[in-house]
Amino acid sequence: MKFFSFWRSQASFRVRIALNLKNLPTEVIFVDLDADAQHADEFRRINPQMALPALVEDDGTVLFQSLAIIEYLEEKYPDSPLLPADIKGRARVRGLALIVACEGHPLLVPRVRRYLDRELNLRDEQQTAWRRHWVIETLTALEGHLADNKDTGRFCHGDAPTLADICMVGHAAVAGMLEMDLKRWPTVKRIYETAMALPAFASAHPLVQPDTPEAMRVRPPG
């Protein structure tokens, strides 16, 4: 498999975690979003949306959109399951994941930031305020669903990591990069720290990837 990734891409972060949890090796191909490499013809042929991540199977099958990729991996490689066995549990986990992947994350992606900059002329401090606002909205929603819920365990659902944790950790990591203290969301903070203590999560963190700029490299939380 070939995995097209970028260190700062939250969606790529999700797939890295899933690949790690399922112990699936890939050939990683870095697509530099800061250099607009996603718009190059070579990558456009792989994903016409020109967005990361993408996963290409050995037979040439191209997979795109992080949650679709993760669910594909879940079906093809069922060991170390990322979804609960029961139908209600799967619905809850998917719902928690979608709070991030469909509600929060799309407002933070590079193409949105470029539009805010080039079309709306928002300055850096205004864009930072934009990102902080939507991170707060998303983590507050997650905290509301996770706190005092009988199905919340060591992780978002039960005592093993699921798709919900994969998505939540990415958004909590963005909060960290924005120097936001997670203590206002105690359940999110606890689960984030529990997840980041696992090598599968820690080694997928944006700040420890081979293509992470040297100036950005720090040891991730946990």
N, C-alpha and C. Protein backbone atom coordinates (compact mmCIF):
# COMPACT_ATOMS: atom_id res chain seq x y z
N MET A 1 0.84 -1.20 0.00
CA MET A 1 0.00 0.00 0.00
C MET A 1 0.87 1.25 0.00
N LYS A 2 0.38 2.27 -0.70
CA LYS A 2 1.02 3.58 -0.68
C LYS A 2 0.11 4.54 0.06
N PHE A 3 0.67 5.27 1.01
CA PHE A 3 -0.09 6.20 1.82
C PHE A 3 0.41 7.61 1.57
N PHE A 4 -0.46 8.47 1.05
CA PHE A 4 -0.11 9.85 0.76
C PHE A 4 -0.50 10.71 1.96
N SER A 5 0.49 11.40 2.53
CA SER A 5 0.33 12.02 3.83
C SER A 5 1.06 13.35 3.90
N PHE A 6 0.72 14.14 4.89
CA PHE A 6 1.45 15.38 5.22
C PHE A 6 1.45 15.49 6.73
N TRP A 7 2.55 15.92 7.28
CA TRP A 7 2.72 15.90 8.74
C TRP A 7 1.61 16.62 9.48
N ARG A 8 1.14 17.77 8.97
CA ARG A 8 0.20 18.60 9.70
C ARG A 8 -1.26 18.25 9.41
N SER A 9 -1.48 17.39 8.44
CA SER A 9 -2.83 17.03 8.05
C SER A 9 -3.51 16.21 9.15
N GLN A 10 -4.60 16.78 9.70
CA GLN A 10 -5.32 16.07 10.76
C GLN A 10 -5.94 14.78 10.23
N ALA A 11 -6.42 14.80 8.99
CA ALA A 11 -7.00 13.60 8.40
C ALA A 11 -5.94 12.52 8.18
N SER A 12 -4.74 12.93 7.78
CA SER A 12 -3.64 11.96 7.65
C SER A 12 -3.27 11.38 9.00
N PHE A 13 -3.30 12.20 10.03
CA PHE A 13 -3.02 11.77 11.41
C PHE A 13 -3.97 10.62 11.78
N ARG A 14 -5.25 10.75 11.44
CA ARG A 14 -6.22 9.70 11.75
C ARG A 14 -5.83 8.38 11.11
N VAL A 15 -5.49 8.44 9.83
CA VAL A 15 -5.16 7.21 9.13
C VAL A 15 -3.86 6.62 9.65
N ARG A 16 -2.89 7.47 9.98
CA ARG A 16 -1.64 6.95 10.56
C ARG A 16 -1.93 6.15 11.83
N ILE A 17 -2.82 6.68 12.68
CA ILE A 17 -3.15 5.95 13.92
C ILE A 17 -3.77 4.61 13.59
N ALA A 18 -4.73 4.60 12.67
CA ALA A 18 -5.40 3.35 12.32
C ALA A 18 -4.42 2.33 11.76
N LEU A 19 -3.53 2.77 10.87
CA LEU A 19 -2.52 1.86 10.32
C LEU A 19 -1.63 1.30 11.43
N ASN A 20 -1.28 2.15 12.38
CA ASN A 20 -0.44 1.70 13.49
C ASN A 20 -1.18 0.70 14.38
N LEU A 21 -2.43 1.00 14.71
CA LEU A 21 -3.19 0.10 15.58
C LEU A 21 -3.37 -1.27 14.94
N LYS A 22 -3.48 -1.29 13.63
CA LYS A 22 -3.66 -2.56 12.92
C LYS A 22 -2.34 -3.14 12.42
N ASN A 23 -1.24 -2.44 12.75
CA ASN A 23 0.10 -2.92 12.41
C ASN A 23 0.24 -3.20 10.91
N LEU A 24 -0.17 -2.22 10.10
CA LEU A 24 -0.13 -2.36 8.65
C LEU A 24 0.97 -1.47 8.08
N PRO A 25 2.00 -2.06 7.50
CA PRO A 25 3.07 -1.25 6.90
C PRO A 25 2.62 -0.63 5.58
N THR A 26 3.10 0.57 5.30
CA THR A 26 2.80 1.24 4.04
C THR A 26 4.06 1.95 3.54
N GLU A 27 4.05 2.24 2.26
CA GLU A 27 5.04 3.15 1.70
C GLU A 27 4.45 4.55 1.80
N VAL A 28 5.09 5.41 2.58
CA VAL A 28 4.54 6.74 2.81
C VAL A 28 5.12 7.71 1.78
N ILE A 29 4.22 8.42 1.13
CA ILE A 29 4.61 9.44 0.15
C ILE A 29 4.13 10.78 0.68
N PHE A 30 5.05 11.69 0.89
CA PHE A 30 4.72 12.98 1.49
C PHE A 30 4.27 13.97 0.43
N VAL A 31 3.15 14.62 0.70
CA VAL A 31 2.60 15.64 -0.20
C VAL A 31 2.61 16.95 0.58
N ASP A 32 3.48 17.86 0.18
CA ASP A 32 3.68 19.09 0.93
C ASP A 32 2.55 20.09 0.64
N LEU A 33 1.60 20.17 1.57
CA LEU A 33 0.48 21.09 1.37
C LEU A 33 0.93 22.54 1.37
N ASP A 34 1.98 22.85 2.13
CA ASP A 34 2.46 24.23 2.19
C ASP A 34 3.05 24.68 0.86
N ALA A 35 3.50 23.70 0.06
CA ALA A 35 4.05 24.01 -1.26
C ALA A 35 3.03 23.76 -2.36
N ASP A 36 1.77 23.53 -1.97
CA ASP A 36 0.68 23.27 -2.93
C ASP A 36 0.94 22.03 -3.78
N ALA A 37 1.67 21.05 -3.23
CA ALA A 37 1.98 19.84 -3.98
C ALA A 37 0.73 19.02 -4.30
N GLN A 38 -0.33 19.24 -3.55
CA GLN A 38 -1.58 18.51 -3.81
C GLN A 38 -2.22 18.92 -5.13
N HIS A 39 -1.79 20.08 -5.67
CA HIS A 39 -2.34 20.55 -6.94
C HIS A 39 -1.54 20.07 -8.15
N ALA A 40 -0.45 19.38 -7.91
CA ALA A 40 0.36 18.86 -9.00
C ALA A 40 -0.41 17.78 -9.76
N ASP A 41 -0.16 17.68 -11.05
CA ASP A 41 -0.89 16.72 -11.88
C ASP A 41 -0.75 15.30 -11.36
N GLU A 42 0.43 14.97 -10.86
CA GLU A 42 0.68 13.61 -10.38
C GLU A 42 -0.29 13.22 -9.26
N PHE A 43 -0.48 14.14 -8.30
CA PHE A 43 -1.40 13.82 -7.21
C PHE A 43 -2.85 14.02 -7.63
N ARG A 44 -3.12 14.97 -8.50
CA ARG A 44 -4.49 15.21 -8.97
C ARG A 44 -5.05 13.93 -9.63
N ARG A 45 -4.17 13.18 -10.32
CA ARG A 45 -4.63 11.93 -10.94
C ARG A 45 -5.03 10.90 -9.88
N ILE A 46 -4.38 10.96 -8.72
CA ILE A 46 -4.71 10.03 -7.64
C ILE A 46 -5.99 10.45 -6.93
N ASN A 47 -6.09 11.73 -6.60
CA ASN A 47 -7.28 12.24 -5.93
C ASN A 47 -7.68 13.57 -6.58
N PRO A 48 -8.67 13.56 -7.45
CA PRO A 48 -9.09 14.79 -8.13
C PRO A 48 -9.53 15.90 -7.19
N GLN A 49 -9.91 15.55 -5.95
CA GLN A 49 -10.26 16.58 -4.97
C GLN A 49 -9.03 17.34 -4.51
N MET A 50 -7.86 16.75 -4.72
CA MET A 50 -6.58 17.36 -4.33
C MET A 50 -6.53 17.59 -2.82
N ALA A 51 -6.95 16.58 -2.08
CA ALA A 51 -6.96 16.63 -0.62
C ALA A 51 -6.33 15.36 -0.08
N LEU A 52 -5.79 15.48 1.12
CA LEU A 52 -5.19 14.33 1.79
C LEU A 52 -6.15 13.81 2.86
N PRO A 53 -5.97 12.52 3.21
CA PRO A 53 -4.99 11.56 2.70
C PRO A 53 -5.55 10.77 1.52
N ALA A 54 -4.70 9.94 0.95
CA ALA A 54 -5.11 8.94 -0.02
C ALA A 54 -4.33 7.67 0.25
N LEU A 55 -4.95 6.54 -0.03
CA LEU A 55 -4.31 5.25 0.16
C LEU A 55 -4.49 4.47 -1.13
N VAL A 56 -3.40 3.96 -1.67
CA VAL A 56 -3.46 3.22 -2.92
C VAL A 56 -3.06 1.77 -2.65
N GLU A 57 -3.98 0.87 -2.94
CA GLU A 57 -3.72 -0.55 -2.76
C GLU A 57 -2.75 -1.05 -3.83
N ASP A 58 -2.18 -2.23 -3.59
CA ASP A 58 -1.20 -2.79 -4.53
C ASP A 58 -1.81 -3.05 -5.90
N ASP A 59 -3.13 -3.25 -5.96
CA ASP A 59 -3.77 -3.49 -7.26
C ASP A 59 -4.17 -2.19 -7.95
N GLY A 60 -3.81 -1.05 -7.35
CA GLY A 60 -4.11 0.24 -7.95
C GLY A 60 -5.38 0.89 -7.45
N THR A 61 -6.15 0.21 -6.61
CA THR A 61 -7.37 0.80 -6.05
C THR A 61 -7.02 2.03 -5.22
N VAL A 62 -7.67 3.15 -5.49
CA VAL A 62 -7.41 4.39 -4.78
C VAL A 62 -8.52 4.63 -3.76
N LEU A 63 -8.14 4.85 -2.52
CA LEU A 63 -9.07 5.15 -1.45
C LEU A 63 -8.83 6.59 -1.00
N PHE A 64 -9.92 7.29 -0.68
CA PHE A 64 -9.79 8.70 -0.28
C PHE A 64 -10.81 8.97 0.82
N GLN A 65 -10.63 10.08 1.51
CA GLN A 65 -11.39 10.49 2.69
C GLN A 65 -11.02 9.59 3.88
N SER A 66 -10.55 10.20 4.95
CA SER A 66 -9.94 9.45 6.05
C SER A 66 -10.89 8.43 6.68
N LEU A 67 -12.15 8.80 6.92
CA LEU A 67 -13.05 7.86 7.56
C LEU A 67 -13.39 6.69 6.65
N ALA A 68 -13.51 6.95 5.35
CA ALA A 68 -13.75 5.86 4.41
C ALA A 68 -12.55 4.92 4.37
N ILE A 69 -11.35 5.49 4.41
CA ILE A 69 -10.14 4.66 4.42
C ILE A 69 -10.11 3.80 5.68
N ILE A 70 -10.39 4.41 6.83
CA ILE A 70 -10.32 3.67 8.09
C ILE A 70 -11.38 2.57 8.13
N GLU A 71 -12.58 2.85 7.65
CA GLU A 71 -13.61 1.80 7.64
C GLU A 71 -13.24 0.69 6.67
N TYR A 72 -12.60 1.02 5.56
CA TYR A 72 -12.09 0.00 4.64
C TYR A 72 -11.07 -0.90 5.33
N LEU A 73 -10.12 -0.27 6.03
CA LEU A 73 -9.12 -1.05 6.76
C LEU A 73 -9.78 -1.91 7.84
N GLU A 74 -10.81 -1.38 8.48
CA GLU A 74 -11.52 -2.12 9.52
C GLU A 74 -12.17 -3.37 8.94
N GLU A 75 -12.75 -3.25 7.76
CA GLU A 75 -13.42 -4.39 7.15
C GLU A 75 -12.40 -5.40 6.60
N LYS A 76 -11.33 -4.91 6.03
CA LYS A 76 -10.35 -5.81 5.43
C LYS A 76 -9.44 -6.46 6.47
N TYR A 77 -9.14 -5.72 7.54
CA TYR A 77 -8.24 -6.21 8.59
C TYR A 77 -8.97 -6.09 9.94
N PRO A 78 -9.84 -7.04 10.26
CA PRO A 78 -10.71 -6.90 11.45
C PRO A 78 -9.99 -7.04 12.79
N ASP A 79 -8.76 -7.55 12.79
CA ASP A 79 -8.04 -7.64 14.06
C ASP A 79 -7.80 -6.23 14.61
N SER A 80 -7.73 -6.11 15.94
CA SER A 80 -7.65 -4.81 16.61
C SER A 80 -8.79 -3.92 16.14
N PRO A 81 -10.03 -4.34 16.41
CA PRO A 81 -11.20 -3.63 15.88
C PRO A 81 -11.29 -2.18 16.35
N LEU A 82 -11.74 -1.32 15.45
CA LEU A 82 -11.88 0.10 15.73
C LEU A 82 -13.35 0.50 15.89
N LEU A 83 -14.25 -0.46 15.75
CA LEU A 83 -15.67 -0.24 15.96
C LEU A 83 -16.20 -1.31 16.90
N PRO A 84 -17.12 -0.97 17.80
CA PRO A 84 -17.67 -1.96 18.73
C PRO A 84 -18.45 -3.05 17.99
N ALA A 85 -18.67 -4.15 18.67
CA ALA A 85 -19.38 -5.28 18.07
C ALA A 85 -20.88 -5.03 17.98
N ASP A 86 -21.43 -4.21 18.87
CA ASP A 86 -22.88 -4.00 18.91
C ASP A 86 -23.30 -2.80 18.08
N ILE A 87 -24.51 -2.85 17.55
CA ILE A 87 -24.98 -1.83 16.62
C ILE A 87 -25.10 -0.46 17.28
N LYS A 88 -25.54 -0.42 18.55
CA LYS A 88 -25.67 0.86 19.24
C LYS A 88 -24.30 1.47 19.53
N GLY A 89 -23.36 0.62 19.90
CA GLY A 89 -22.01 1.10 20.14
C GLY A 89 -21.37 1.65 18.88
N ARG A 90 -21.58 0.97 17.76
CA ARG A 90 -21.01 1.46 16.50
C ARG A 90 -21.60 2.82 16.13
N ALA A 91 -22.90 2.97 16.35
CA ALA A 91 -23.54 4.25 16.05
C ALA A 91 -22.96 5.36 16.92
N ARG A 92 -22.75 5.07 18.21
CA ARG A 92 -22.20 6.09 19.11
C ARG A 92 -20.78 6.47 18.69
N VAL A 93 -19.97 5.48 18.40
CA VAL A 93 -18.59 5.75 18.01
C VAL A 93 -18.54 6.56 16.72
N ARG A 94 -19.36 6.18 15.76
CA ARG A 94 -19.38 6.93 14.50
C ARG A 94 -19.86 8.35 14.73
N GLY A 95 -20.86 8.52 15.60
CA GLY A 95 -21.35 9.85 15.89
C GLY A 95 -20.29 10.74 16.50
N LEU A 96 -19.53 10.20 17.47
CA LEU A 96 -18.45 10.97 18.08
C LEU A 96 -17.38 11.32 17.05
N ALA A 97 -17.06 10.36 16.19
CA ALA A 97 -16.06 10.60 15.16
C ALA A 97 -16.51 11.70 14.20
N LEU A 98 -17.79 11.70 13.86
CA LEU A 98 -18.29 12.67 12.88
C LEU A 98 -18.38 14.08 13.45
N ILE A 99 -18.50 14.21 14.77
CA ILE A 99 -18.44 15.55 15.37
C ILE A 99 -17.14 16.24 14.96
N VAL A 100 -16.07 15.47 14.92
CA VAL A 100 -14.78 16.01 14.52
C VAL A 100 -14.67 16.07 13.00
N ALA A 101 -14.86 14.92 12.35
CA ALA A 101 -14.53 14.82 10.93
C ALA A 101 -15.47 15.60 10.03
N CYS A 102 -16.74 15.77 10.44
CA CYS A 102 -17.70 16.46 9.58
C CYS A 102 -18.09 17.84 10.08
N GLU A 103 -17.93 18.10 11.37
CA GLU A 103 -18.35 19.38 11.93
C GLU A 103 -17.18 20.32 12.22
N GLY A 104 -16.16 19.80 12.91
CA GLY A 104 -15.07 20.65 13.36
C GLY A 104 -13.91 20.78 12.39
N HIS A 105 -13.40 19.66 11.93
CA HIS A 105 -12.19 19.66 11.11
C HIS A 105 -12.34 20.41 9.79
N PRO A 106 -13.48 20.29 9.06
CA PRO A 106 -13.56 20.98 7.77
C PRO A 106 -13.38 22.49 7.84
N LEU A 107 -13.58 23.07 9.01
CA LEU A 107 -13.43 24.51 9.14
C LEU A 107 -11.98 24.94 9.36
N LEU A 108 -11.09 23.97 9.49
CA LEU A 108 -9.70 24.27 9.81
C LEU A 108 -8.73 23.93 8.69
N VAL A 109 -9.22 23.35 7.61
CA VAL A 109 -8.32 22.82 6.58
C VAL A 109 -7.67 23.95 5.78
N PRO A 110 -6.54 23.65 5.09
CA PRO A 110 -5.79 24.69 4.38
C PRO A 110 -6.62 25.47 3.37
N ARG A 111 -7.51 24.80 2.62
CA ARG A 111 -8.25 25.54 1.60
C ARG A 111 -9.19 26.58 2.23
N VAL A 112 -9.69 26.30 3.45
CA VAL A 112 -10.51 27.29 4.15
C VAL A 112 -9.63 28.44 4.62
N ARG A 113 -8.46 28.10 5.17
CA ARG A 113 -7.56 29.16 5.63
C ARG A 113 -7.13 30.06 4.48
N ARG A 114 -6.88 29.45 3.31
CA ARG A 114 -6.51 30.26 2.14
C ARG A 114 -7.64 31.19 1.73
N TYR A 115 -8.86 30.70 1.78
CA TYR A 115 -10.00 31.55 1.43
C TYR A 115 -10.14 32.70 2.41
N LEU A 116 -9.99 32.41 3.71
CA LEU A 116 -10.07 33.47 4.71
C LEU A 116 -8.99 34.53 4.47
N ASP A 117 -7.84 34.08 4.01
CA ASP A 117 -6.72 34.99 3.78
C ASP A 117 -6.91 35.77 2.48
N ARG A 118 -7.09 35.05 1.38
CA ARG A 118 -7.05 35.68 0.06
C ARG A 118 -8.35 36.36 -0.33
N GLU A 119 -9.48 35.81 0.10
CA GLU A 119 -10.77 36.37 -0.31
C GLU A 119 -11.37 37.30 0.75
N LEU A 120 -11.21 36.96 2.03
CA LEU A 120 -11.80 37.76 3.09
C LEU A 120 -10.79 38.65 3.80
N ASN A 121 -9.50 38.46 3.44
CA ASN A 121 -8.43 39.32 3.96
C ASN A 121 -8.35 39.30 5.48
N LEU A 122 -8.56 38.12 6.07
CA LEU A 122 -8.41 37.98 7.52
C LEU A 122 -6.94 37.83 7.86
N ARG A 123 -6.48 38.60 8.82
CA ARG A 123 -5.09 38.56 9.23
C ARG A 123 -4.82 37.36 10.14
N ASP A 124 -3.54 37.15 10.46
CA ASP A 124 -3.15 35.97 11.22
C ASP A 124 -3.89 35.87 12.54
N GLU A 125 -4.00 36.99 13.28
CA GLU A 125 -4.65 36.93 14.58
C GLU A 125 -6.14 36.62 14.44
N GLN A 126 -6.75 37.08 13.35
CA GLN A 126 -8.16 36.77 13.11
C GLN A 126 -8.34 35.31 12.73
N GLN A 127 -7.42 34.79 11.96
CA GLN A 127 -7.50 33.37 11.59
C GLN A 127 -7.25 32.48 12.80
N THR A 128 -6.35 32.89 13.67
CA THR A 128 -6.13 32.13 14.90
C THR A 128 -7.39 32.12 15.75
N ALA A 129 -8.06 33.26 15.85
CA ALA A 129 -9.32 33.34 16.60
C ALA A 129 -10.37 32.43 15.98
N TRP A 130 -10.41 32.38 14.65
CA TRP A 130 -11.33 31.48 13.93
C TRP A 130 -11.06 30.04 14.32
N ARG A 131 -9.79 29.62 14.27
CA ARG A 131 -9.46 28.22 14.58
C ARG A 131 -9.78 27.90 16.03
N ARG A 132 -9.43 28.80 16.93
CA ARG A 132 -9.71 28.57 18.34
C ARG A 132 -11.21 28.41 18.59
N HIS A 133 -12.00 29.27 17.96
CA HIS A 133 -13.45 29.20 18.16
C HIS A 133 -14.00 27.83 17.79
N TRP A 134 -13.61 27.31 16.62
CA TRP A 134 -14.18 26.05 16.17
C TRP A 134 -13.60 24.86 16.92
N VAL A 135 -12.36 24.97 17.38
CA VAL A 135 -11.81 23.91 18.23
C VAL A 135 -12.58 23.87 19.55
N ILE A 136 -12.86 25.02 20.12
CA ILE A 136 -13.62 25.08 21.38
C ILE A 136 -15.01 24.47 21.18
N GLU A 137 -15.68 24.85 20.09
CA GLU A 137 -17.02 24.31 19.81
C GLU A 137 -16.98 22.79 19.73
N THR A 138 -15.99 22.26 19.03
CA THR A 138 -15.92 20.81 18.80
C THR A 138 -15.59 20.06 20.08
N LEU A 139 -14.58 20.53 20.82
CA LEU A 139 -14.19 19.83 22.04
C LEU A 139 -15.27 19.95 23.11
N THR A 140 -15.99 21.06 23.13
CA THR A 140 -17.10 21.20 24.08
C THR A 140 -18.22 20.20 23.76
N ALA A 141 -18.49 20.02 22.48
CA ALA A 141 -19.50 19.03 22.08
C ALA A 141 -19.07 17.62 22.47
N LEU A 142 -17.81 17.30 22.24
CA LEU A 142 -17.30 15.98 22.62
C LEU A 142 -17.38 15.77 24.12
N GLU A 143 -16.96 16.78 24.89
CA GLU A 143 -17.01 16.66 26.35
C GLU A 143 -18.44 16.40 26.81
N GLY A 144 -19.40 17.08 26.21
CA GLY A 144 -20.79 16.88 26.59
C GLY A 144 -21.27 15.46 26.36
N HIS A 145 -20.80 14.84 25.29
CA HIS A 145 -21.20 13.46 25.00
C HIS A 145 -20.43 12.44 25.83
N LEU A 146 -19.20 12.78 26.22
CA LEU A 146 -18.34 11.81 26.90
C LEU A 146 -18.49 11.83 28.42
N ALA A 147 -18.64 13.00 29.00
CA ALA A 147 -18.68 13.12 30.47
C ALA A 147 -19.93 12.45 31.02
N ASP A 148 -19.73 11.65 32.05
CA ASP A 148 -20.84 11.02 32.78
C ASP A 148 -21.68 10.09 31.91
N ASN A 149 -21.16 9.64 30.80
CA ASN A 149 -21.87 8.67 29.97
C ASN A 149 -21.41 7.27 30.35
N LYS A 150 -22.34 6.38 30.55
CA LYS A 150 -22.00 5.03 31.04
C LYS A 150 -21.15 4.25 30.05
N ASP A 151 -21.19 4.63 28.77
CA ASP A 151 -20.42 3.90 27.77
C ASP A 151 -18.99 4.44 27.63
N THR A 152 -18.71 5.58 28.23
CA THR A 152 -17.35 6.11 28.22
C THR A 152 -16.52 5.35 29.24
N GLY A 153 -15.37 4.84 28.79
CA GLY A 153 -14.48 4.11 29.69
C GLY A 153 -13.11 4.77 29.72
N ARG A 154 -12.08 3.97 29.65
CA ARG A 154 -10.74 4.54 29.54
C ARG A 154 -10.62 5.37 28.27
N PHE A 155 -11.38 4.95 27.26
CA PHE A 155 -11.40 5.66 25.98
C PHE A 155 -12.81 6.20 25.73
N CYS A 156 -13.04 6.73 24.54
CA CYS A 156 -14.33 7.35 24.26
C CYS A 156 -15.48 6.37 24.40
N HIS A 157 -15.24 5.13 24.04
CA HIS A 157 -16.28 4.10 24.15
C HIS A 157 -15.61 2.82 24.66
N GLY A 158 -15.80 2.55 25.93
CA GLY A 158 -15.18 1.36 26.50
C GLY A 158 -13.72 1.55 26.83
N ASP A 159 -13.03 0.43 26.90
CA ASP A 159 -11.65 0.44 27.39
C ASP A 159 -10.61 0.13 26.32
N ALA A 160 -10.99 0.24 25.06
CA ALA A 160 -10.05 0.06 23.96
C ALA A 160 -10.27 1.19 22.96
N PRO A 161 -9.23 1.62 22.28
CA PRO A 161 -9.37 2.73 21.34
C PRO A 161 -10.26 2.37 20.16
N THR A 162 -11.04 3.33 19.72
CA THR A 162 -11.93 3.16 18.58
C THR A 162 -11.75 4.31 17.60
N LEU A 163 -12.57 4.30 16.57
CA LEU A 163 -12.58 5.38 15.60
C LEU A 163 -12.83 6.73 16.27
N ALA A 164 -13.63 6.73 17.33
CA ALA A 164 -13.91 7.98 18.04
C ALA A 164 -12.64 8.57 18.64
N ASP A 165 -11.81 7.75 19.24
CA ASP A 165 -10.55 8.23 19.83
C ASP A 165 -9.60 8.73 18.75
N ILE A 166 -9.57 8.03 17.63
CA ILE A 166 -8.70 8.43 16.53
C ILE A 166 -9.03 9.85 16.08
N CYS A 167 -10.33 10.15 15.98
CA CYS A 167 -10.74 11.49 15.55
C CYS A 167 -10.55 12.52 16.66
N MET A 168 -10.93 12.16 17.87
CA MET A 168 -10.83 13.12 18.98
C MET A 168 -9.39 13.54 19.24
N VAL A 169 -8.47 12.59 19.19
CA VAL A 169 -7.07 12.89 19.47
C VAL A 169 -6.52 13.92 18.49
N GLY A 170 -6.91 13.81 17.23
CA GLY A 170 -6.44 14.77 16.25
C GLY A 170 -6.87 16.19 16.58
N HIS A 171 -8.12 16.34 17.00
CA HIS A 171 -8.61 17.68 17.32
C HIS A 171 -7.98 18.20 18.60
N ALA A 172 -7.78 17.33 19.58
CA ALA A 172 -7.12 17.75 20.81
C ALA A 172 -5.68 18.17 20.53
N ALA A 173 -5.03 17.50 19.56
CA ALA A 173 -3.67 17.88 19.20
C ALA A 173 -3.64 19.27 18.58
N VAL A 174 -4.65 19.60 17.78
CA VAL A 174 -4.74 20.95 17.22
C VAL A 174 -4.85 21.97 18.35
N ALA A 175 -5.66 21.66 19.36
CA ALA A 175 -5.77 22.57 20.51
C ALA A 175 -4.41 22.80 21.15
N GLY A 176 -3.62 21.73 21.27
CA GLY A 176 -2.29 21.86 21.83
C GLY A 176 -1.40 22.76 20.99
N MET A 177 -1.48 22.63 19.68
CA MET A 177 -0.67 23.47 18.80
C MET A 177 -1.09 24.93 18.87
N LEU A 178 -2.37 25.15 19.23
CA LEU A 178 -2.86 26.52 19.40
C LEU A 178 -2.66 27.02 20.83
N GLU A 179 -1.92 26.24 21.62
CA GLU A 179 -1.61 26.58 23.01
C GLU A 179 -2.87 26.74 23.86
N MET A 180 -3.83 25.85 23.62
CA MET A 180 -5.06 25.84 24.39
C MET A 180 -4.99 24.74 25.43
N ASP A 181 -5.33 25.07 26.67
CA ASP A 181 -5.26 24.11 27.76
C ASP A 181 -6.50 23.22 27.73
N LEU A 182 -6.28 21.90 27.73
CA LEU A 182 -7.39 20.95 27.66
C LEU A 182 -8.14 20.79 28.98
N LYS A 183 -7.68 21.44 30.04
CA LYS A 183 -8.29 21.20 31.35
C LYS A 183 -9.75 21.63 31.41
N ARG A 184 -10.17 22.51 30.49
CA ARG A 184 -11.59 22.90 30.49
C ARG A 184 -12.48 21.77 29.98
N TRP A 185 -11.85 20.74 29.39
CA TRP A 185 -12.58 19.56 28.93
C TRP A 185 -11.95 18.33 29.60
N PRO A 186 -12.25 18.09 30.87
CA PRO A 186 -11.52 17.08 31.64
C PRO A 186 -11.62 15.65 31.09
N THR A 187 -12.77 15.28 30.55
CA THR A 187 -12.89 13.92 30.02
C THR A 187 -12.08 13.79 28.74
N VAL A 188 -12.18 14.78 27.87
CA VAL A 188 -11.36 14.80 26.65
C VAL A 188 -9.89 14.74 27.01
N LYS A 189 -9.47 15.53 27.98
CA LYS A 189 -8.06 15.57 28.39
C LYS A 189 -7.60 14.21 28.90
N ARG A 190 -8.41 13.58 29.73
CA ARG A 190 -8.03 12.28 30.28
C ARG A 190 -7.87 11.24 29.17
N ILE A 191 -8.84 11.20 28.26
CA ILE A 191 -8.79 10.21 27.18
C ILE A 191 -7.63 10.51 26.22
N TYR A 192 -7.42 11.78 25.94
CA TYR A 192 -6.30 12.17 25.07
C TYR A 192 -4.97 11.69 25.67
N GLU A 193 -4.77 11.92 26.94
CA GLU A 193 -3.53 11.51 27.58
C GLU A 193 -3.40 9.99 27.62
N THR A 194 -4.52 9.30 27.82
CA THR A 194 -4.49 7.83 27.81
C THR A 194 -4.11 7.32 26.42
N ALA A 195 -4.70 7.91 25.39
CA ALA A 195 -4.40 7.48 24.03
C ALA A 195 -2.96 7.79 23.65
N MET A 196 -2.49 8.99 24.00
CA MET A 196 -1.15 9.37 23.59
C MET A 196 -0.07 8.61 24.33
N ALA A 197 -0.44 7.88 25.38
CA ALA A 197 0.52 6.99 26.05
C ALA A 197 0.76 5.72 25.26
N LEU A 198 -0.08 5.47 24.25
CA LEU A 198 0.08 4.29 23.41
C LEU A 198 1.00 4.62 22.23
N PRO A 199 1.96 3.75 21.92
CA PRO A 199 2.87 4.02 20.80
C PRO A 199 2.16 4.24 19.47
N ALA A 200 1.04 3.56 19.25
CA ALA A 200 0.33 3.71 17.98
C ALA A 200 -0.16 5.14 17.78
N PHE A 201 -0.52 5.80 18.85
CA PHE A 201 -0.96 7.19 18.79
C PHE A 201 0.24 8.14 18.80
N ALA A 202 1.15 7.91 19.74
CA ALA A 202 2.28 8.83 19.91
C ALA A 202 3.14 8.92 18.65
N SER A 203 3.38 7.79 17.99
CA SER A 203 4.24 7.80 16.81
C SER A 203 3.55 8.38 15.59
N ALA A 204 2.22 8.57 15.66
CA ALA A 204 1.47 9.17 14.55
C ALA A 204 1.33 10.67 14.70
N HIS A 205 1.74 11.22 15.85
CA HIS A 205 1.55 12.65 16.12
C HIS A 205 2.21 13.52 15.05
N PRO A 206 1.55 14.61 14.65
CA PRO A 206 2.11 15.46 13.59
C PRO A 206 3.52 15.96 13.85
N LEU A 207 3.90 16.17 15.09
CA LEU A 207 5.18 16.78 15.37
C LEU A 207 6.35 15.81 15.41
N VAL A 208 6.10 14.53 15.08
CA VAL A 208 7.19 13.56 15.07
C VAL A 208 7.27 12.81 13.74
N GLN A 209 6.71 13.39 12.68
CA GLN A 209 6.74 12.73 11.38
C GLN A 209 8.04 13.04 10.63
N PRO A 210 8.44 12.18 9.71
CA PRO A 210 9.67 12.43 8.95
C PRO A 210 9.67 13.75 8.20
N ASP A 211 8.46 14.23 7.79
CA ASP A 211 8.41 15.47 7.04
C ASP A 211 8.08 16.68 7.91
N THR A 212 8.02 16.49 9.23
CA THR A 212 7.80 17.62 10.12
C THR A 212 8.99 18.58 10.05
N PRO A 213 8.76 19.86 9.86
CA PRO A 213 9.90 20.81 9.84
C PRO A 213 10.69 20.72 11.14
N GLU A 214 11.98 20.80 11.02
CA GLU A 214 12.85 20.63 12.18
C GLU A 214 12.50 21.59 13.31
N ALA A 215 12.14 22.82 12.98
CA ALA A 215 11.82 23.82 14.00
C ALA A 215 10.56 23.46 14.77
N MET A 216 9.72 22.60 14.20
CA MET A 216 8.45 22.24 14.84
C MET A 216 8.56 20.99 15.69
N ARG A 217 9.65 20.30 15.58
CA ARG A 217 9.77 18.99 16.24
C ARG A 217 9.85 19.13 17.75
N VAL A 218 8.89 18.54 18.43
CA VAL A 218 8.92 18.45 19.88
C VAL A 218 8.37 17.07 20.26
N ARG A 219 8.64 16.71 21.47
CA ARG A 219 8.09 15.44 21.94
C ARG A 219 6.60 15.64 22.21
N PRO A 220 5.71 14.83 21.57
CA PRO A 220 4.28 15.03 21.75
C PRO A 220 3.83 14.71 23.15
N PRO A 221 2.67 15.27 23.59
CA PRO A 221 2.15 14.98 24.92
C PRO A 221 1.93 13.49 25.12
N GLY A 222 2.16 13.02 26.35
CA GLY A 222 1.96 11.61 26.66
C GLY A 222 3.20 10.79 26.38
